Amino acid sequence: MAEGVDRIVYVGHATVLIELDGVRLLTDPVLGGWLGPLRRQGPAPGPEVVEGLDAVLISHLHRDHVDLRSLRRLPFGVPLIVPGGTRAFFETRRPGAEVIELAPGEAHRLGGVTITATPADHALGRRGVEAIPVGFLVEGTRSLYFAGDTDLFDGMATLAEDLDLALLPVWGWGPTLGPGHLNPERAARAATLLAPRIAVPIHWGTLYPAGLARLRPRPLSEPPREFAARVRALAPGVDVRVPAPGEAVVLGGGEGTAGWRPRQPQLRRHGHPPHA
């Protein structure tokens, strides 16, 4: 992939690499081969995923979105942008780290990109931490919405006036889906409210209970197909792309998905300490 191309890479589950206007962001990193009783379906991403990062975006504190082992793989100097109320949680685990807290509606500027926390309808996360889950709106020459984990909520239709891409969760990590999540039908309704040019389903096909894939394989592959079919019926003007884990979607002129070609590490533009 040529330098300077705006794109996203679906790393897997809620982990997405965003490259926009020269800024490189990673969402909710889960990078290992297992997480408690869950096993990654397919190979784990390589170390190039975290090279040259400008920041990591954390939507909430559920363990399939905050994996401390994965955060320890981040290079020194990568700041975390996290929900309000979680600063102490992260600083206790990585003393001296820079943590940028954003409550819904608050924003942080990074190079030519503005990152704004958005509301999310989801459970809080971990005991003893008073934090409100968020999504993120990433805006530069293009605009992207990363929903994190959420159900439909009031105000979703007015999050962005002109949205280029929406990263929408369509499932979870098991054969059933609890409250506070979007299933394929509700994610399609979210796409109608957001009206992005491109919608990409995430939060599927990556983590699954050990040994269950042989018995109940459908949740590993069907949710994004159902989502695409529902969007075609409800919002035919929205272009649905369904990258497999490790595949990229190019913004502005790219057709379909493209295989991942890791770019070379670049000199950092800031001197922020790490976090996890």
C-alpha atoms as a PDB file:
ATOM      1  CA  MET A   1       0.000   0.000   0.000  1.00  0.00           C
ATOM      2  CA  ALA A   2       1.407   3.376  -0.975  1.00  0.00           C
ATOM      3  CA  GLU A   3       2.289   5.926   1.669  1.00  0.00           C
ATOM      4  CA  GLY A   4      -0.286   8.643   2.245  1.00  0.00           C
ATOM      5  CA  VAL A   5      -3.324   6.494   1.395  1.00  0.00           C
ATOM      6  CA  ASP A   6      -6.225   6.877   3.816  1.00  0.00           C
ATOM      7  CA  ARG A   7      -7.468   3.445   4.857  1.00  0.00           C
ATOM      8  CA  ILE A   8      -8.566   1.206   7.696  1.00  0.00           C
ATOM      9  CA  VAL A   9      -7.380  -2.309   8.454  1.00  0.00           C
ATOM     10  CA  TYR A  10      -9.738  -4.670  10.268  1.00  0.00           C
ATOM     11  CA  VAL A  11      -7.253  -6.333  12.610  1.00  0.00           C
ATOM     12  CA  GLY A  12     -10.046  -8.311  14.298  1.00  0.00           C
ATOM     13  CA  HIS A  13     -12.846  -8.023  16.879  1.00  0.00           C
ATOM     14  CA  ALA A  14     -12.925  -4.300  17.821  1.00  0.00           C
ATOM     15  CA  THR A  15      -9.287  -3.723  16.852  1.00  0.00           C
ATOM     16  CA  VAL A  16      -9.020  -1.501  13.785  1.00  0.00           C
ATOM     17  CA  LEU A  17      -5.989   0.313  12.413  1.00  0.00           C
ATOM     18  CA  ILE A  18      -6.961   3.753  11.106  1.00  0.00           C
ATOM     19  CA  GLU A  19      -4.618   5.679   8.812  1.00  0.00           C
ATOM     20  CA  LEU A  20      -5.938   9.154   8.081  1.00  0.00           C
ATOM     21  CA  ASP A  21      -4.032  12.270   6.973  1.00  0.00           C
ATOM     22  CA  GLY A  22      -0.735  10.752   8.090  1.00  0.00           C
ATOM     23  CA  VAL A  23      -2.066   9.889  11.563  1.00  0.00           C
ATOM     24  CA  ARG A  24      -2.033   6.233  12.587  1.00  0.00           C
ATOM     25  CA  LEU A  25      -4.525   5.126  15.262  1.00  0.00           C
ATOM     26  CA  LEU A  26      -5.379   1.730  16.742  1.00  0.00           C
ATOM     27  CA  THR A  27      -8.718   1.000  18.420  1.00  0.00           C
ATOM     28  CA  ASP A  28      -9.350  -1.341  21.380  1.00  0.00           C
ATOM     29  CA  PRO A  29      -6.270  -3.527  20.803  1.00  0.00           C
ATOM     30  CA  VAL A  30      -6.596  -7.259  21.402  1.00  0.00           C
ATOM     31  CA  LEU A  31      -3.557  -8.745  19.699  1.00  0.00           C
ATOM     32  CA  GLY A  32      -2.869 -12.142  21.251  1.00  0.00           C
ATOM     33  CA  GLY A  33      -4.021 -15.637  20.417  1.00  0.00           C
ATOM     34  CA  TRP A  34      -6.280 -16.017  23.434  1.00  0.00           C
ATOM     35  CA  LEU A  35      -8.248 -14.007  25.980  1.00  0.00           C
ATOM     36  CA  GLY A  36      -9.397 -16.015  29.013  1.00  0.00           C
ATOM     37  CA  PRO A  37     -11.563 -18.861  27.646  1.00  0.00           C
ATOM     38  CA  LEU A  38     -11.706 -17.253  24.207  1.00  0.00           C
ATOM     39  CA  ARG A  39      -9.440 -18.281  21.350  1.00  0.00           C
ATOM     40  CA  ARG A  40      -8.545 -16.242  18.296  1.00  0.00           C
ATOM     41  CA  GLN A  41      -9.797 -17.727  15.052  1.00  0.00           C
ATOM     42  CA  GLY A  42      -6.896 -17.507  12.629  1.00  0.00           C
ATOM     43  CA  PRO A  43      -3.374 -16.185  13.224  1.00  0.00           C
ATOM     44  CA  ALA A  44      -2.686 -13.356  15.635  1.00  0.00           C
ATOM     45  CA  PRO A  45      -1.569 -10.035  14.094  1.00  0.00           C
ATOM     46  CA  GLY A  46       2.148  -9.425  13.840  1.00  0.00           C
ATOM     47  CA  PRO A  47       4.238  -6.742  15.563  1.00  0.00           C
ATOM     48  CA  GLU A  48       3.903  -4.390  12.590  1.00  0.00           C
ATOM     49  CA  VAL A  49       0.359  -3.584  13.748  1.00  0.00           C
ATOM     50  CA  VAL A  50       1.669  -1.325  16.508  1.00  0.00           C
ATOM     51  CA  GLU A  51       4.549   0.252  14.598  1.00  0.00           C
ATOM     52  CA  GLY A  52       4.432   4.010  14.101  1.00  0.00           C
ATOM     53  CA  LEU A  53       1.242   4.521  16.112  1.00  0.00           C
ATOM     54  CA  ASP A  54       0.263   8.059  17.063  1.00  0.00           C
ATOM     55  CA  ALA A  55      -2.372   7.027  19.621  1.00  0.00           C
ATOM     56  CA  VAL A  56      -4.557   4.173  20.819  1.00  0.00           C
ATOM     57  CA  LEU A  57      -8.307   4.697  21.278  1.00  0.00           C
ATOM     58  CA  ILE A  58     -10.034   2.792  24.096  1.00  0.00           C
ATOM     59  CA  SER A  59     -13.838   2.738  24.060  1.00  0.00           C
ATOM     60  CA  HIS A  60     -14.547   1.018  27.398  1.00  0.00           C
ATOM     61  CA  LEU A  61     -13.118  -1.379  29.952  1.00  0.00           C
ATOM     62  CA  HIS A  62     -14.567  -4.753  29.047  1.00  0.00           C
ATOM     63  CA  ARG A  63     -11.725  -7.233  28.738  1.00  0.00           C
ATOM     64  CA  ASP A  64     -12.325  -7.919  25.061  1.00  0.00           C
ATOM     65  CA  HIS A  65     -11.592  -4.210  24.484  1.00  0.00           C
ATOM     66  CA  VAL A  66      -8.904  -3.598  27.122  1.00  0.00           C
ATOM     67  CA  ASP A  67      -6.381  -6.429  27.098  1.00  0.00           C
ATOM     68  CA  LEU A  68      -3.464  -5.407  29.306  1.00  0.00           C
ATOM     69  CA  ARG A  69      -1.113  -7.921  27.678  1.00  0.00           C
ATOM     70  CA  SER A  70      -1.815  -6.343  24.306  1.00  0.00           C
ATOM     71  CA  LEU A  71      -1.306  -2.823  25.637  1.00  0.00           C
ATOM     72  CA  ARG A  72       2.106  -3.836  26.925  1.00  0.00           C
ATOM     73  CA  ARG A  73       3.068  -4.576  23.325  1.00  0.00           C
ATOM     74  CA  LEU A  74       2.715  -0.909  22.392  1.00  0.00           C
ATOM     75  CA  PRO A  75       5.934   0.994  21.715  1.00  0.00           C
ATOM     76  CA  PHE A  76       7.099   3.489  24.304  1.00  0.00           C
ATOM     77  CA  GLY A  77       5.642   6.907  23.631  1.00  0.00           C
ATOM     78  CA  VAL A  78       2.160   5.947  22.424  1.00  0.00           C
ATOM     79  CA  PRO A  79      -0.575   7.821  24.332  1.00  0.00           C
ATOM     80  CA  LEU A  80      -3.986   6.361  25.123  1.00  0.00           C
ATOM     81  CA  ILE A  81      -7.209   8.256  24.506  1.00  0.00           C
ATOM     82  CA  VAL A  82      -9.706   6.799  26.949  1.00  0.00           C
ATOM     83  CA  PRO A  83     -13.177   7.371  28.443  1.00  0.00           C
ATOM     84  CA  GLY A  84     -13.482   9.883  31.250  1.00  0.00           C
ATOM     85  CA  GLY A  85     -12.976   8.366  34.692  1.00  0.00           C
ATOM     86  CA  THR A  86     -10.413   5.765  33.620  1.00  0.00           C
ATOM     87  CA  ARG A  87      -7.183   7.723  34.087  1.00  0.00           C
ATOM     88  CA  ALA A  88      -6.337   6.112  37.433  1.00  0.00           C
ATOM     89  CA  PHE A  89      -7.140   2.648  36.092  1.00  0.00           C
ATOM     90  CA  PHE A  90      -4.525   2.997  33.368  1.00  0.00           C
ATOM     91  CA  GLU A  91      -1.932   5.022  35.264  1.00  0.00           C
ATOM     92  CA  THR A  92      -1.883   2.453  38.058  1.00  0.00           C
ATOM     93  CA  ARG A  93      -0.997  -0.234  35.563  1.00  0.00           C
ATOM     94  CA  ARG A  94       1.516   1.857  33.610  1.00  0.00           C
ATOM     95  CA  PRO A  95       2.974   4.537  35.913  1.00  0.00           C
ATOM     96  CA  GLY A  96       4.114   7.666  34.114  1.00  0.00           C
ATOM     97  CA  ALA A  97       2.008   7.024  31.047  1.00  0.00           C
ATOM     98  CA  GLU A  98       0.121   9.827  29.332  1.00  0.00           C
ATOM     99  CA  VAL A  99      -3.612   9.224  29.429  1.00  0.00           C
ATOM    100  CA  ILE A 100      -5.991  11.571  27.626  1.00  0.00           C
ATOM    101  CA  GLU A 101      -9.516  11.324  29.011  1.00  0.00           C
ATOM    102  CA  LEU A 102     -12.465  12.247  26.843  1.00  0.00           C
ATOM    103  CA  ALA A 103     -16.086  12.332  27.977  1.00  0.00           C
ATOM    104  CA  PRO A 104     -18.785  12.328  25.285  1.00  0.00           C
ATOM    105  CA  GLY A 105     -18.528  15.576  23.345  1.00  0.00           C
ATOM    106  CA  GLU A 106     -14.904  16.292  24.319  1.00  0.00           C
ATOM    107  CA  ALA A 107     -12.190  16.342  21.657  1.00  0.00           C
ATOM    108  CA  HIS A 108      -8.427  16.026  21.266  1.00  0.00           C
ATOM    109  CA  ARG A 109      -6.344  17.285  18.345  1.00  0.00           C
ATOM    110  CA  LEU A 110      -3.608  15.038  16.955  1.00  0.00           C
ATOM    111  CA  GLY A 111      -1.755  16.338  13.907  1.00  0.00           C
ATOM    112  CA  GLY A 112      -4.367  17.172  11.315  1.00  0.00           C
ATOM    113  CA  VAL A 113      -6.990  14.933  12.913  1.00  0.00           C
ATOM    114  CA  THR A 114      -9.561  15.688  15.615  1.00  0.00           C
ATOM    115  CA  ILE A 115     -10.757  12.811  17.814  1.00  0.00           C
ATOM    116  CA  THR A 116     -14.089  13.357  19.556  1.00  0.00           C
ATOM    117  CA  ALA A 117     -15.667  10.988  22.069  1.00  0.00           C
ATOM    118  CA  THR A 118     -19.270  10.081  21.278  1.00  0.00           C
ATOM    119  CA  PRO A 119     -22.032   8.533  23.405  1.00  0.00           C
ATOM    120  CA  ALA A 120     -22.456   4.766  23.585  1.00  0.00           C
ATOM    121  CA  ASP A 121     -25.243   2.641  25.053  1.00  0.00           C
ATOM    122  CA  HIS A 122     -23.307  -0.130  26.784  1.00  0.00           C
ATOM    123  CA  ALA A 123     -22.475  -1.527  30.236  1.00  0.00           C
ATOM    124  CA  LEU A 124     -19.810   0.304  32.254  1.00  0.00           C
ATOM    125  CA  GLY A 125     -17.051  -2.299  32.161  1.00  0.00           C
ATOM    126  CA  ARG A 126     -15.141  -3.160  35.356  1.00  0.00           C
ATOM    127  CA  ARG A 127     -15.955  -3.120  39.037  1.00  0.00           C
ATOM    128  CA  GLY A 128     -14.750  -0.133  40.986  1.00  0.00           C
ATOM    129  CA  VAL A 129     -14.271   2.112  37.930  1.00  0.00           C
ATOM    130  CA  GLU A 130     -16.884   4.782  37.281  1.00  0.00           C
ATOM    131  CA  ALA A 131     -16.559   5.327  33.560  1.00  0.00           C
ATOM    132  CA  ILE A 132     -18.987   5.893  30.721  1.00  0.00           C
ATOM    133  CA  PRO A 133     -18.320   3.873  27.533  1.00  0.00           C
ATOM    134  CA  VAL A 134     -17.746   5.934  24.422  1.00  0.00           C
ATOM    135  CA  GLY A 135     -17.280   5.687  20.694  1.00  0.00           C
ATOM    136  CA  PHE A 136     -15.028   7.969  18.674  1.00  0.00           C
ATOM    137  CA  LEU A 137     -15.454  10.297  15.740  1.00  0.00           C
ATOM    138  CA  VAL A 138     -12.168  10.760  13.861  1.00  0.00           C
ATOM    139  CA  GLU A 139     -12.188  13.780  11.570  1.00  0.00           C
ATOM    140  CA  GLY A 140      -9.625  15.180   9.144  1.00  0.00           C
ATOM    141  CA  THR A 141      -9.992  15.476   5.390  1.00  0.00           C
ATOM    142  CA  ARG A 142     -12.353  12.508   5.864  1.00  0.00           C
ATOM    143  CA  SER A 143     -14.574  11.515   8.770  1.00  0.00           C
ATOM    144  CA  LEU A 144     -14.780   8.088  10.429  1.00  0.00           C
ATOM    145  CA  TYR A 145     -16.941   6.776  13.255  1.00  0.00           C
ATOM    146  CA  PHE A 146     -15.778   3.931  15.501  1.00  0.00           C
ATOM    147  CA  ALA A 147     -18.725   2.784  17.606  1.00  0.00           C
ATOM    148  CA  GLY A 148     -16.855   0.658  20.153  1.00  0.00           C
ATOM    149  CA  ASP A 149     -19.644  -1.386  21.753  1.00  0.00           C
ATOM    150  CA  THR A 150     -23.098   0.135  21.689  1.00  0.00           C
ATOM    151  CA  ASP A 151     -26.758  -0.345  21.000  1.00  0.00           C
ATOM    152  CA  LEU A 152     -28.820   2.245  19.129  1.00  0.00           C
ATOM    153  CA  PHE A 153     -29.054   5.502  21.061  1.00  0.00           C
ATOM    154  CA  ASP A 154     -30.724   8.889  20.816  1.00  0.00           C
ATOM    155  CA  GLY A 155     -28.634  11.265  18.769  1.00  0.00           C
ATOM    156  CA  MET A 156     -26.938   8.652  16.605  1.00  0.00           C
ATOM    157  CA  ALA A 157     -28.432  10.246  13.480  1.00  0.00           C
ATOM    158  CA  THR A 158     -26.786  13.592  14.304  1.00  0.00           C
ATOM    159  CA  LEU A 159     -23.281  12.395  15.229  1.00  0.00           C
ATOM    160  CA  ALA A 160     -21.816  13.639  11.942  1.00  0.00           C
ATOM    161  CA  GLU A 161     -23.304  15.577   9.061  1.00  0.00           C
ATOM    162  CA  ASP A 162     -21.095  14.081   6.370  1.00  0.00           C
ATOM    163  CA  LEU A 163     -19.655  10.701   7.382  1.00  0.00           C
ATOM    164  CA  ASP A 164     -17.270   8.854   5.100  1.00  0.00           C
ATOM    165  CA  LEU A 165     -17.028   5.574   7.002  1.00  0.00           C
ATOM    166  CA  ALA A 166     -18.734   3.896   9.955  1.00  0.00           C
ATOM    167  CA  LEU A 167     -17.146   0.970  11.831  1.00  0.00           C
ATOM    168  CA  LEU A 168     -20.149  -0.805  13.300  1.00  0.00           C
ATOM    169  CA  PRO A 169     -20.154  -3.833  15.638  1.00  0.00           C
ATOM    170  CA  VAL A 170     -22.433  -6.571  14.358  1.00  0.00           C
ATOM    171  CA  TRP A 171     -21.819  -9.351  16.886  1.00  0.00           C
ATOM    172  CA  GLY A 172     -19.671 -10.293  19.895  1.00  0.00           C
ATOM    173  CA  TRP A 173     -17.444 -13.154  21.013  1.00  0.00           C
ATOM    174  CA  GLY A 174     -19.855 -16.046  21.501  1.00  0.00           C
ATOM    175  CA  PRO A 175     -22.911 -17.838  20.100  1.00  0.00           C
ATOM    176  CA  THR A 176     -25.328 -15.363  21.719  1.00  0.00           C
ATOM    177  CA  LEU A 177     -25.402 -11.609  22.131  1.00  0.00           C
ATOM    178  CA  GLY A 178     -26.259  -9.759  25.348  1.00  0.00           C
ATOM    179  CA  PRO A 179     -27.812  -6.309  25.842  1.00  0.00           C
ATOM    180  CA  GLY A 180     -25.890  -3.194  24.874  1.00  0.00           C
ATOM    181  CA  HIS A 181     -24.749  -4.591  21.523  1.00  0.00           C
ATOM    182  CA  LEU A 182     -25.747  -4.216  17.900  1.00  0.00           C
ATOM    183  CA  ASN A 183     -26.786  -7.364  16.070  1.00  0.00           C
ATOM    184  CA  PRO A 184     -26.823  -7.380  12.252  1.00  0.00           C
ATOM    185  CA  GLU A 185     -30.353  -5.974  12.000  1.00  0.00           C
ATOM    186  CA  ARG A 186     -29.797  -3.191  14.552  1.00  0.00           C
ATOM    187  CA  ALA A 187     -26.387  -2.386  13.071  1.00  0.00           C
ATOM    188  CA  ALA A 188     -28.123  -1.947   9.705  1.00  0.00           C
ATOM    189  CA  ARG A 189     -30.544   0.443  11.372  1.00  0.00           C
ATOM    190  CA  ALA A 190     -27.539   2.310  12.756  1.00  0.00           C
ATOM    191  CA  ALA A 191     -26.208   2.563   9.206  1.00  0.00           C
ATOM    192  CA  THR A 192     -29.471   4.143   8.078  1.00  0.00           C
ATOM    193  CA  LEU A 193     -29.231   6.720  10.882  1.00  0.00           C
ATOM    194  CA  LEU A 194     -25.567   7.534  10.309  1.00  0.00           C
ATOM    195  CA  ALA A 195     -25.783   7.471   6.495  1.00  0.00           C
ATOM    196  CA  PRO A 196     -22.053   6.929   5.881  1.00  0.00           C
ATOM    197  CA  ARG A 197     -20.653   6.483   2.402  1.00  0.00           C
ATOM    198  CA  ILE A 198     -19.062   3.208   3.535  1.00  0.00           C
ATOM    199  CA  ALA A 199     -20.061   0.889   6.386  1.00  0.00           C
ATOM    200  CA  VAL A 200     -17.674  -1.776   7.683  1.00  0.00           C
ATOM    201  CA  PRO A 201     -18.890  -4.468  10.113  1.00  0.00           C
ATOM    202  CA  ILE A 202     -16.533  -5.189  13.018  1.00  0.00           C
ATOM    203  CA  HIS A 203     -16.675  -7.170  16.279  1.00  0.00           C
ATOM    204  CA  TRP A 204     -17.142 -10.533  14.562  1.00  0.00           C
ATOM    205  CA  GLY A 205     -15.193 -13.595  13.453  1.00  0.00           C
ATOM    206  CA  THR A 206     -12.208 -13.203  15.782  1.00  0.00           C
ATOM    207  CA  LEU A 207     -12.755 -14.370  19.374  1.00  0.00           C
ATOM    208  CA  TYR A 208     -14.770 -17.484  20.238  1.00  0.00           C
ATOM    209  CA  PRO A 209     -14.978 -19.906  23.180  1.00  0.00           C
ATOM    210  CA  ALA A 210     -12.431 -22.699  22.927  1.00  0.00           C
ATOM    211  CA  GLY A 211     -13.790 -25.774  21.164  1.00  0.00           C
ATOM    212  CA  LEU A 212     -17.118 -24.225  20.167  1.00  0.00           C
ATOM    213  CA  ALA A 213     -16.281 -23.298  16.581  1.00  0.00           C
ATOM    214  CA  ARG A 214     -16.886 -26.861  15.383  1.00  0.00           C
ATOM    215  CA  LEU A 215     -20.269 -27.106  17.082  1.00  0.00           C
ATOM    216  CA  ARG A 216     -21.697 -23.647  16.368  1.00  0.00           C
ATOM    217  CA  PRO A 217     -19.695 -22.006  13.575  1.00  0.00           C
ATOM    218  CA  ARG A 218     -22.379 -19.687  12.168  1.00  0.00           C
ATOM    219  CA  PRO A 219     -21.679 -16.689  14.486  1.00  0.00           C
ATOM    220  CA  LEU A 220     -18.118 -16.624  13.162  1.00  0.00           C
ATOM    221  CA  SER A 221     -19.161 -15.869   9.580  1.00  0.00           C
ATOM    222  CA  GLU A 222     -22.861 -15.040   9.224  1.00  0.00           C
ATOM    223  CA  PRO A 223     -23.293 -11.692  11.086  1.00  0.00           C
ATOM    224  CA  PRO A 224     -21.478  -9.507   8.516  1.00  0.00           C
ATOM    225  CA  ARG A 225     -23.351 -11.187   5.653  1.00  0.00           C
ATOM    226  CA  GLU A 226     -26.670 -10.591   7.396  1.00  0.00           C
ATOM    227  CA  PHE A 227     -25.648  -6.997   8.066  1.00  0.00           C
ATOM    228  CA  ALA A 228     -24.781  -6.409   4.409  1.00  0.00           C
ATOM    229  CA  ALA A 229     -28.099  -7.867   3.280  1.00  0.00           C
ATOM    230  CA  ARG A 230     -30.065  -5.723   5.729  1.00  0.00           C
ATOM    231  CA  VAL A 231     -28.215  -2.557   4.706  1.00  0.00           C
ATOM    232  CA  ARG A 232     -28.994  -3.267   1.049  1.00  0.00           C
ATOM    233  CA  ALA A 233     -32.675  -3.399   1.991  1.00  0.00           C
ATOM    234  CA  LEU A 234     -32.753  -0.448   4.410  1.00  0.00           C
ATOM    235  CA  ALA A 235     -30.092   1.907   3.084  1.00  0.00           C
ATOM    236  CA  PRO A 236     -29.103   0.976  -0.484  1.00  0.00           C
ATOM    237  CA  GLY A 237     -27.024   4.143  -0.787  1.00  0.00           C
ATOM    238  CA  VAL A 238     -24.542   2.878   1.812  1.00  0.00           C
ATOM    239  CA  ASP A 239     -21.608   0.896   0.410  1.00  0.00           C
ATOM    240  CA  VAL A 240     -20.919  -2.096   2.694  1.00  0.00           C
ATOM    241  CA  ARG A 241     -17.380  -3.497   2.698  1.00  0.00           C
ATOM    242  CA  VAL A 242     -16.675  -6.725   4.603  1.00  0.00           C
ATOM    243  CA  PRO A 243     -12.920  -7.152   5.098  1.00  0.00           C
ATOM    244  CA  ALA A 244     -11.687 -10.318   6.744  1.00  0.00           C
ATOM    245  CA  PRO A 245      -9.312  -9.856   9.696  1.00  0.00           C
ATOM    246  CA  GLY A 246      -6.063  -8.444   8.309  1.00  0.00           C
ATOM    247  CA  GLU A 247      -7.651  -6.887   5.218  1.00  0.00           C
ATOM    248  CA  ALA A 248      -7.802  -3.182   4.454  1.00  0.00           C
ATOM    249  CA  VAL A 249     -10.464  -0.860   3.086  1.00  0.00           C
ATOM    250  CA  VAL A 250      -9.093   2.088   1.140  1.00  0.00           C
ATOM    251  CA  LEU A 251     -10.965   5.380   1.463  1.00  0.00           C
ATOM    252  CA  GLY A 252     -11.507   7.481  -1.598  1.00  0.00           C
ATOM    253  CA  GLY A 253     -11.049   5.610  -4.855  1.00  0.00           C
ATOM    254  CA  GLY A 254     -10.236   2.133  -3.525  1.00  0.00           C
ATOM    255  CA  GLU A 255     -12.394  -0.713  -4.733  1.00  0.00           C
ATOM    256  CA  GLY A 256     -13.436  -3.396  -2.265  1.00  0.00           C
ATOM    257  CA  THR A 257     -10.773  -4.624   0.136  1.00  0.00           C
ATOM    258  CA  ALA A 258      -7.051  -5.030  -0.217  1.00  0.00           C
ATOM    259  CA  GLY A 259      -4.506  -7.252   1.448  1.00  0.00           C
ATOM    260  CA  TRP A 260      -2.530  -5.768   4.296  1.00  0.00           C
ATOM    261  CA  ARG A 261       0.895  -4.359   3.433  1.00  0.00           C
ATOM    262  CA  PRO A 262       2.437  -2.997   6.664  1.00  0.00           C
ATOM    263  CA  ARG A 263       4.080   0.366   6.183  1.00  0.00           C
ATOM    264  CA  GLN A 264       7.528   1.124   7.481  1.00  0.00           C
ATOM    265  CA  PRO A 265       7.865   2.624  10.985  1.00  0.00           C
ATOM    266  CA  GLN A 266       8.164   6.399  10.947  1.00  0.00           C
ATOM    267  CA  LEU A 267       9.781   8.897  13.274  1.00  0.00           C
ATOM    268  CA  ARG A 268       7.331   9.991  15.930  1.00  0.00           C
ATOM    269  CA  ARG A 269       5.969  13.509  15.826  1.00  0.00           C
ATOM    270  CA  HIS A 270       5.619  13.766  19.600  1.00  0.00           C
ATOM    271  CA  GLY A 271       7.348  12.507  22.711  1.00  0.00           C
ATOM    272  CA  HIS A 272       4.466  11.133  24.731  1.00  0.00           C
ATOM    273  CA  PRO A 273       5.149   8.239  27.150  1.00  0.00           C
ATOM    274  CA  PRO A 274       3.359   4.867  26.838  1.00  0.00           C
ATOM    275  CA  HIS A 275       0.328   3.424  28.460  1.00  0.00           C
ATOM    276  CA  ALA A 276      -1.492   0.236  29.389  1.00  0.00           C
END
